[in-house]
C-alpha atoms as a PDB file:
ATOM      1  CA  MET A   1       3.502  12.622  10.650  1.00  0.00           C
ATOM      2  CA  GLY A   2       4.514   9.341  12.233  1.00  0.00           C
ATOM      3  CA  ARG A   3       1.190   8.478  13.889  1.00  0.00           C
ATOM      4  CA  ILE A   4      -0.916   8.013  10.753  1.00  0.00           C
ATOM      5  CA  LEU A   5       1.936   6.180   9.043  1.00  0.00           C
ATOM      6  CA  GLU A   6       2.268   3.853  12.016  1.00  0.00           C
ATOM      7  CA  VAL A   7      -1.452   3.078  11.853  1.00  0.00           C
ATOM      8  CA  LEU A   8      -1.280   2.470   8.104  1.00  0.00           C
ATOM      9  CA  ASP A   9       1.777   0.252   8.490  1.00  0.00           C
ATOM     10  CA  ARG A  10       0.038  -1.880  11.115  1.00  0.00           C
ATOM     11  CA  GLU A  11      -3.051  -2.120   8.949  1.00  0.00           C
ATOM     12  CA  TRP A  12      -0.963  -3.151   5.959  1.00  0.00           C
ATOM     13  CA  GLU A  13       0.921  -5.851   7.869  1.00  0.00           C
ATOM     14  CA  GLU A  14      -2.395  -7.378   8.921  1.00  0.00           C
ATOM     15  CA  LEU A  15      -3.856  -7.168   5.426  1.00  0.00           C
ATOM     16  CA  ALA A  16      -0.759  -8.467   3.629  1.00  0.00           C
ATOM     17  CA  THR A  17      -0.857 -11.818   5.467  1.00  0.00           C
ATOM     18  CA  SER A  18      -4.626 -12.221   5.634  1.00  0.00           C
ATOM     19  CA  PRO A  19      -6.903 -14.716   3.837  1.00  0.00           C
ATOM     20  CA  LYS A  20      -8.452 -11.678   2.133  1.00  0.00           C
ATOM     21  CA  ALA A  21      -5.093 -10.917   0.531  1.00  0.00           C
ATOM     22  CA  ARG A  22      -4.632 -14.507  -0.649  1.00  0.00           C
ATOM     23  CA  ARG A  23      -8.098 -14.532  -2.186  1.00  0.00           C
ATOM     24  CA  ALA A  24      -7.362 -11.250  -3.929  1.00  0.00           C
ATOM     25  CA  LEU A  25      -4.147 -12.595  -5.460  1.00  0.00           C
ATOM     26  CA  ILE A  26      -5.996 -15.636  -6.813  1.00  0.00           C
ATOM     27  CA  ARG A  27      -8.785 -13.455  -8.177  1.00  0.00           C
ATOM     28  CA  TRP A  28      -6.410 -10.982  -9.805  1.00  0.00           C
ATOM     29  CA  ALA A  29      -4.356 -13.711 -11.464  1.00  0.00           C
ATOM     30  CA  SER A  30      -7.482 -15.056 -13.146  1.00  0.00           C
ATOM     31  CA  ILE A  31      -8.523 -11.716 -14.651  1.00  0.00           C
ATOM     32  CA  CYS A  32      -5.327  -9.657 -15.026  1.00  0.00           C
ATOM     33  CA  PRO A  33      -2.237 -11.174 -16.718  1.00  0.00           C
ATOM     34  CA  ALA A  34      -0.091  -8.360 -15.281  1.00  0.00           C
ATOM     35  CA  LEU A  35      -0.973  -9.513 -11.752  1.00  0.00           C
ATOM     36  CA  ALA A  36      -0.334 -13.215 -12.305  1.00  0.00           C
ATOM     37  CA  GLY A  37       2.569 -14.923 -10.579  1.00  0.00           C
ATOM     38  CA  PHE A  38       2.711 -12.823  -7.432  1.00  0.00           C
ATOM     39  CA  ARG A  39       2.825 -14.821  -4.205  1.00  0.00           C
ATOM     40  CA  SER A  40       2.057 -11.974  -1.814  1.00  0.00           C
ATOM     41  CA  LEU A  41       0.937  -8.365  -1.685  1.00  0.00           C
ATOM     42  CA  GLU A  42       4.471  -7.451  -0.619  1.00  0.00           C
ATOM     43  CA  GLU A  43       5.715  -8.840  -3.933  1.00  0.00           C
ATOM     44  CA  VAL A  44       3.142  -6.759  -5.782  1.00  0.00           C
ATOM     45  CA  VAL A  45       4.350  -3.599  -4.022  1.00  0.00           C
ATOM     46  CA  ALA A  46       8.021  -4.511  -4.531  1.00  0.00           C
ATOM     47  CA  SER A  47       7.445  -4.798  -8.287  1.00  0.00           C
ATOM     48  CA  ARG A  48       7.534  -1.005  -8.467  1.00  0.00           C
ATOM     49  CA  ARG A  49      11.333  -1.350  -8.460  1.00  0.00           C
ATOM     50  CA  ASP A  50      11.184  -3.578 -11.561  1.00  0.00           C
ATOM     51  CA  PRO A  51      11.075  -1.425 -14.730  1.00  0.00           C
ATOM     52  CA  ALA A  52       9.499  -4.271 -16.708  1.00  0.00           C
ATOM     53  CA  ARG A  53       6.657  -4.925 -14.257  1.00  0.00           C
ATOM     54  CA  SER A  54       6.034  -1.708 -12.355  1.00  0.00           C
ATOM     55  CA  GLU A  55       3.766   0.109 -14.774  1.00  0.00           C
ATOM     56  CA  PRO A  56       1.706  -2.901 -15.990  1.00  0.00           C
ATOM     57  CA  THR A  57       1.189  -3.966 -12.370  1.00  0.00           C
ATOM     58  CA  GLN A  58       0.175  -0.532 -11.114  1.00  0.00           C
ATOM     59  CA  ARG A  59      -2.088   0.087 -14.101  1.00  0.00           C
ATOM     60  CA  ALA A  60      -3.850  -3.220 -13.444  1.00  0.00           C
ATOM     61  CA  LEU A  61      -4.322  -2.244  -9.793  1.00  0.00           C
ATOM     62  CA  ALA A  62      -5.682   1.147 -10.877  1.00  0.00           C
ATOM     63  CA  VAL A  63      -8.237  -0.542 -13.140  1.00  0.00           C
ATOM     64  CA  LEU A  64      -9.424  -2.710 -10.237  1.00  0.00           C
ATOM     65  CA  ALA A  65      -9.211  -0.016  -7.557  1.00  0.00           C
ATOM     66  CA  ALA A  66     -12.632   1.513  -8.123  1.00  0.00           C
ATOM     67  CA  GLU A  67     -14.377  -1.604  -6.802  1.00  0.00           C
ATOM     68  CA  ASP A  68     -11.582  -3.625  -5.169  1.00  0.00           C
ATOM     69  CA  ASP A  69     -10.474  -2.399  -1.729  1.00  0.00           C
ATOM     70  CA  VAL A  70      -7.385  -4.625  -1.646  1.00  0.00           C
ATOM     71  CA  ALA A  71      -6.192  -3.409  -5.055  1.00  0.00           C
ATOM     72  CA  ALA A  72      -6.690   0.205  -3.996  1.00  0.00           C
ATOM     73  CA  ARG A  73      -4.867  -0.342  -0.694  1.00  0.00           C
ATOM     74  CA  THR A  74      -1.976  -2.083  -2.468  1.00  0.00           C
ATOM     75  CA  LEU A  75      -1.591   0.791  -4.907  1.00  0.00           C
ATOM     76  CA  LEU A  76      -1.687   3.258  -2.010  1.00  0.00           C
ATOM     77  CA  LYS A  77       1.113   1.306  -0.329  1.00  0.00           C
ATOM     78  CA  ALA A  78       3.178   1.439  -3.517  1.00  0.00           C
ATOM     79  CA  VAL A  79       2.974   5.230  -3.791  1.00  0.00           C
ATOM     80  CA  THR A  80       3.306   5.967  -0.061  1.00  0.00           C
ATOM     81  CA  PRO A  81       7.015   6.963  -0.246  1.00  0.00           C
ATOM     82  CA  GLY A  82       6.151   9.717  -2.714  1.00  0.00           C
ATOM     83  CA  LEU A  83       3.184  10.826  -0.617  1.00  0.00           C
ATOM     84  CA  VAL A  84       5.339  11.030   2.510  1.00  0.00           C
ATOM     85  CA  THR A  85       7.778  13.216   0.605  1.00  0.00           C
ATOM     86  CA  ILE A  86       5.014  15.526  -0.612  1.00  0.00           C
ATOM     87  CA  ALA A  87       3.742  15.979   2.946  1.00  0.00           C
ATOM     88  CA  ALA A  88       7.254  16.565   4.281  1.00  0.00           C
ATOM     89  CA  ARG A  89       8.235  19.091   1.620  1.00  0.00           C
ATOM     90  CA  PHE A  90       5.000  21.023   1.161  1.00  0.00           C
ATOM     91  CA  GLY A  91       3.261  20.634   4.519  1.00  0.00           C
ATOM     92  CA  ASN A  92       5.880  21.777   7.015  1.00  0.00           C
ATOM     93  CA  ASP A  93       3.464  24.193   8.658  1.00  0.00           C
ATOM     94  CA  ASP A  94       0.456  21.872   8.490  1.00  0.00           C
ATOM     95  CA  GLU A  95       0.064  19.304  11.267  1.00  0.00           C
ATOM     96  CA  ALA A  96      -2.574  17.479   9.228  1.00  0.00           C
ATOM     97  CA  ALA A  97      -0.496  17.372   6.032  1.00  0.00           C
ATOM     98  CA  ILE A  98       0.054  13.620   5.869  1.00  0.00           C
ATOM     99  CA  GLU A  99      -3.587  12.847   6.687  1.00  0.00           C
ATOM    100  CA  GLU A 100      -4.730  15.232   3.970  1.00  0.00           C
ATOM    101  CA  VAL A 101      -2.256  13.870   1.428  1.00  0.00           C
ATOM    102  CA  MET A 102      -3.222  10.274   2.170  1.00  0.00           C
ATOM    103  CA  ALA A 103      -6.939  11.093   1.899  1.00  0.00           C
ATOM    104  CA  LEU A 104      -6.404  12.832  -1.443  1.00  0.00           C
ATOM    105  CA  ALA A 105      -4.376   9.888  -2.712  1.00  0.00           C
ATOM    106  CA  TRP A 106      -7.048   7.393  -1.662  1.00  0.00           C
ATOM    107  CA  GLU A 107      -9.726   9.394  -3.446  1.00  0.00           C
ATOM    108  CA  ARG A 108      -7.571   9.682  -6.577  1.00  0.00           C
ATOM    109  CA  ILE A 109      -6.807   5.954  -6.598  1.00  0.00           C
ATOM    110  CA  ARG A 110     -10.475   4.984  -6.206  1.00  0.00           C
ATOM    111  CA  THR A 111     -11.447   7.295  -9.094  1.00  0.00           C
ATOM    112  CA  TYR A 112      -8.353   6.929 -11.272  1.00  0.00           C
ATOM    113  CA  PRO A 113      -9.059   7.558 -15.008  1.00  0.00           C
ATOM    114  CA  CYS A 114      -7.585   4.417 -16.526  1.00  0.00           C
ATOM    115  CA  HIS A 115      -7.489   5.898 -20.042  1.00  0.00           C
ATOM    116  CA  ARG A 116      -4.975   8.512 -18.863  1.00  0.00           C
ATOM    117  CA  SER A 117      -1.492   8.448 -20.387  1.00  0.00           C
ATOM    118  CA  GLY A 118       1.654   8.401 -18.296  1.00  0.00           C
ATOM    119  CA  THR A 119       2.687   6.253 -15.364  1.00  0.00           C
ATOM    120  CA  VAL A 120       0.073   5.631 -12.703  1.00  0.00           C
ATOM    121  CA  ALA A 121       2.348   6.418  -9.735  1.00  0.00           C
ATOM    122  CA  ALA A 122       3.549   9.688 -11.221  1.00  0.00           C
ATOM    123  CA  ASN A 123       0.021  10.764 -12.127  1.00  0.00           C
ATOM    124  CA  VAL A 124      -1.282  10.020  -8.634  1.00  0.00           C
ATOM    125  CA  LEU A 125       1.554  12.012  -7.064  1.00  0.00           C
ATOM    126  CA  LEU A 126       1.024  14.884  -9.467  1.00  0.00           C
ATOM    127  CA  ASP A 127      -2.717  15.079  -8.791  1.00  0.00           C
ATOM    128  CA  VAL A 128      -2.268  14.845  -5.026  1.00  0.00           C
ATOM    129  CA  ARG A 129       0.421  17.516  -5.016  1.00  0.00           C
ATOM    130  CA  LYS A 130      -1.689  19.851  -7.137  1.00  0.00           C
ATOM    131  CA  ARG A 131      -4.809  19.391  -5.019  1.00  0.00           C
ATOM    132  CA  TYR A 132      -2.965  19.686  -1.732  1.00  0.00           C
ATOM    133  CA  ARG A 133      -1.123  22.831  -2.805  1.00  0.00           C
ATOM    134  CA  ARG A 134      -4.334  24.309  -4.194  1.00  0.00           C
ATOM    135  CA  HIS A 135      -5.936  23.587  -0.836  1.00  0.00           C
ATOM    136  CA  ARG A 136      -3.035  25.310   0.922  1.00  0.00           C
ATOM    137  CA  THR A 137      -2.900  28.125  -1.683  1.00  0.00           C
ATOM    138  CA  ILE A 138       0.843  27.737  -2.097  1.00  0.00           C
ATOM    139  CA  GLU A 139       2.520  28.349  -5.453  1.00  0.00           C
ATOM    140  CA  THR A 140       4.213  25.345  -7.035  1.00  0.00           C
ATOM    141  CA  PRO A 141       8.006  25.802  -6.983  1.00  0.00           C
ATOM    142  CA  GLU A 142       9.688  25.800 -10.394  1.00  0.00           C
ATOM    143  CA  SER A 143      12.139  23.147  -9.201  1.00  0.00           C
ATOM    144  CA  VAL A 144       9.363  20.554  -8.989  1.00  0.00           C
ATOM    145  CA  TYR A 145       7.745  20.174 -12.390  1.00  0.00           C
ATOM    146  CA  LEU A 146       6.039  17.261 -14.008  1.00  0.00           C
ATOM    147  CA  ASP A 147       4.912  17.046 -17.618  1.00  0.00           C
ATOM    148  CA  SER A 148       1.518  15.390 -18.002  1.00  0.00           C
ATOM    149  CA  ASP A 149       2.796  13.388 -20.970  1.00  0.00           C
ATOM    150  CA  LEU A 150       5.204  11.039 -19.245  1.00  0.00           C
ATOM    151  CA  VAL A 151       7.166   8.177 -20.720  1.00  0.00           C
ATOM    152  CA  ASP A 152       6.086   4.794 -19.369  1.00  0.00           C
ATOM    153  CA  ASN A 153       8.428   2.853 -17.099  1.00  0.00           C
ATOM    154  CA  LYS A 154      10.676   5.846 -16.361  1.00  0.00           C
ATOM    155  CA  PRO A 155      10.793   7.736 -13.057  1.00  0.00           C
ATOM    156  CA  SER A 156       8.941  11.026 -13.286  1.00  0.00           C
ATOM    157  CA  VAL A 157      10.744  14.312 -12.785  1.00  0.00           C
ATOM    158  CA  GLU A 158       8.686  14.833  -9.655  1.00  0.00           C
ATOM    159  CA  GLU A 159       9.513  11.443  -8.210  1.00  0.00           C
ATOM    160  CA  GLU A 160      13.240  12.018  -8.792  1.00  0.00           C
ATOM    161  CA  VAL A 161      13.272  15.531  -7.333  1.00  0.00           C
ATOM    162  CA  LEU A 162      11.122  14.678  -4.320  1.00  0.00           C
ATOM    163  CA  GLY A 163      13.152  11.550  -3.662  1.00  0.00           C
ATOM    164  CA  ARG A 164      16.448  13.441  -3.704  1.00  0.00           C
ATOM    165  CA  LEU A 165      15.122  16.172  -1.403  1.00  0.00           C
ATOM    166  CA  PHE A 166      13.701  13.663   1.070  1.00  0.00           C
ATOM    167  CA  ILE A 167      16.923  11.641   1.144  1.00  0.00           C
ATOM    168  CA  THR A 168      18.915  14.847   1.692  1.00  0.00           C
ATOM    169  CA  ASP A 169      16.689  15.747   4.647  1.00  0.00           C
ATOM    170  CA  LEU A 170      17.148  12.292   6.165  1.00  0.00           C
ATOM    171  CA  VAL A 171      20.931  12.265   5.784  1.00  0.00           C
ATOM    172  CA  GLU A 172      21.234  15.767   7.235  1.00  0.00           C
ATOM    173  CA  SER A 173      19.048  14.757  10.179  1.00  0.00           C
ATOM    174  CA  GLN A 174      21.349  11.817  10.876  1.00  0.00           C
ATOM    175  CA  TYR A 175      24.345  14.146  10.914  1.00  0.00           C
ATOM    176  CA  ARG A 176      22.484  16.428  13.347  1.00  0.00           C
ATOM    177  CA  GLY A 177      21.958  13.504  15.695  1.00  0.00           C
ATOM    178  CA  LEU A 178      18.208  13.174  15.169  1.00  0.00           C
ATOM    179  CA  MET A 179      18.537   9.501  14.287  1.00  0.00           C
ATOM    180  CA  THR A 180      21.131   6.743  14.214  1.00  0.00           C
ATOM    181  CA  LYS A 181      22.535   5.229  11.042  1.00  0.00           C
ATOM    182  CA  PRO A 182      20.515   2.000  11.491  1.00  0.00           C
ATOM    183  CA  VAL A 183      17.283   3.986  11.826  1.00  0.00           C
ATOM    184  CA  LEU A 184      18.212   6.100   8.795  1.00  0.00           C
ATOM    185  CA  ALA A 185      18.776   2.895   6.839  1.00  0.00           C
ATOM    186  CA  THR A 186      15.441   1.548   8.069  1.00  0.00           C
ATOM    187  CA  ILE A 187      13.558   4.617   6.834  1.00  0.00           C
ATOM    188  CA  LEU A 188      15.298   4.589   3.462  1.00  0.00           C
ATOM    189  CA  ARG A 189      14.723   0.875   2.949  1.00  0.00           C
ATOM    190  CA  THR A 190      11.097   0.730   4.111  1.00  0.00           C
ATOM    191  CA  ARG A 191       9.782   4.156   3.084  1.00  0.00           C
ATOM    192  CA  LEU A 192      11.645   4.667  -0.182  1.00  0.00           C
ATOM    193  CA  GLY A 193      12.854   1.183  -1.033  1.00  0.00           C
ATOM    194  CA  GLY A 194       9.532  -0.494  -0.315  1.00  0.00           C
ATOM    195  CA  GLU A 195      11.061  -3.300   1.763  1.00  0.00           C
ATOM    196  CA  ALA A 196       8.894  -4.992   4.361  1.00  0.00           C
ATOM    197  CA  LEU A 197       9.498  -3.809   7.924  1.00  0.00           C
ATOM    198  CA  ALA A 198       9.519  -7.441   9.072  1.00  0.00           C
ATOM    199  CA  GLU A 199      12.481  -8.252   6.821  1.00  0.00           C
ATOM    200  CA  VAL A 200      14.542  -5.339   8.129  1.00  0.00           C
ATOM    201  CA  ALA A 201      13.605  -6.185  11.724  1.00  0.00           C
ATOM    202  CA  ASN A 202      14.727  -9.761  11.201  1.00  0.00           C
ATOM    203  CA  GLU A 203      18.111  -8.587   9.892  1.00  0.00           C
ATOM    204  CA  GLN A 204      18.557  -6.283  12.890  1.00  0.00           C
ATOM    205  CA  HIS A 205      17.413  -9.021  15.310  1.00  0.00           C
ATOM    206  CA  VAL A 206      14.671  -6.853  16.834  1.00  0.00           C
ATOM    207  CA  SER A 207      10.893  -7.100  16.889  1.00  0.00           C
ATOM    208  CA  VAL A 208       8.766  -5.416  14.243  1.00  0.00           C
ATOM    209  CA  ARG A 209       7.037  -3.455  17.000  1.00  0.00           C
ATOM    210  CA  LEU A 210      10.344  -2.081  18.333  1.00  0.00           C
ATOM    211  CA  LEU A 211      11.645  -1.180  14.875  1.00  0.00           C
ATOM    212  CA  ARG A 212       8.377   0.520  13.958  1.00  0.00           C
ATOM    213  CA  HIS A 213       8.570   2.565  17.175  1.00  0.00           C
ATOM    214  CA  ARG A 214      12.171   3.580  16.485  1.00  0.00           C
ATOM    215  CA  ARG A 215      11.235   4.670  12.974  1.00  0.00           C
ATOM    216  CA  TRP A 216       8.203   6.578  14.269  1.00  0.00           C
ATOM    217  CA  ARG A 217      10.272   8.447  16.869  1.00  0.00           C
ATOM    218  CA  ALA A 218      12.857   9.425  14.250  1.00  0.00           C
ATOM    219  CA  GLU A 219      10.164  10.670  11.867  1.00  0.00           C
ATOM    220  CA  VAL A 220       8.539  12.727  14.616  1.00  0.00           C
ATOM    221  CA  ARG A 221      11.914  14.299  15.481  1.00  0.00           C
ATOM    222  CA  LEU A 222      12.556  15.012  11.801  1.00  0.00           C
ATOM    223  CA  ALA A 223       9.136  16.623  11.331  1.00  0.00           C
ATOM    224  CA  SER A 224       9.570  18.744  14.484  1.00  0.00           C
ATOM    225  CA  SER A 225      13.051  19.793  13.436  1.00  0.00           C
ATOM    226  CA  ARG A 226      11.857  20.824   9.974  1.00  0.00           C
ATOM    227  CA  SER A 227       8.993  22.864  11.438  1.00  0.00           C
ATOM    228  CA  LEU A 228      11.369  24.719  13.777  1.00  0.00           C
ATOM    229  CA  HIS A 229      13.814  25.315  10.939  1.00  0.00           C
ATOM    230  CA  GLU A 230      11.110  26.766   8.687  1.00  0.00           C
ATOM    231  CA  ALA A 231       9.955  29.067  11.495  1.00  0.00           C
ATOM    232  CA  GLU A 232      13.429  30.578  12.064  1.00  0.00           C
ATOM    233  CA  PRO A 233      13.854  34.114  10.711  1.00  0.00           C
ATOM    234  CA  VAL A 234      16.186  34.504   7.753  1.00  0.00           C
ATOM    235  CA  PRO A 235      19.436  36.288   8.802  1.00  0.00           C
ATOM    236  CA  ARG A 236      19.822  39.720   7.252  1.00  0.00           C
END
């Protein structure tokens, strides 16, 4: 799982500080009030933690995404934590799970029906999960359910359930010695919290490259551990 995420993270870091990103922010501010006032793409992504701005911002990105590569990529970055969780929970036996999930999400974002009710992030996750599970011919567990008529600006049932399960996996892996507490904190802050890897690296006084590698190694160990655990026979 870690390899494609590492590539996407590198790509995002380059895009987020590029002239292309600055031009996009200026362009968006002139045509979308919900996207005005942001100073960087990182700020746009971080707005998903702000109940007052998350949905208007993501809906504006969804409207632009069909023809605007930067808007589509920014929206993909915002929903990546949920996509990682979907791949981890439902693709344990599929080495290409994260690639498939990311591809489905990109296609959904570029063709998002802007008239659709409900929060954009929740709808993208729902559609990706449905299509991935249909592709894998796996029944949807009753514990993960999402009503199509969601209330704006509230976390979806799916986002809450997936988030809790993913956090539980990470904490248990730390107890099993698969990662250190600092690496666990890094994954939680950057994957789920949406914080920039550069900010966390600066706090830990290490390079972004080193921190990214530590996170990648921990995610690979976690994915391998989960695959082995799923393959173990159930005691009778």
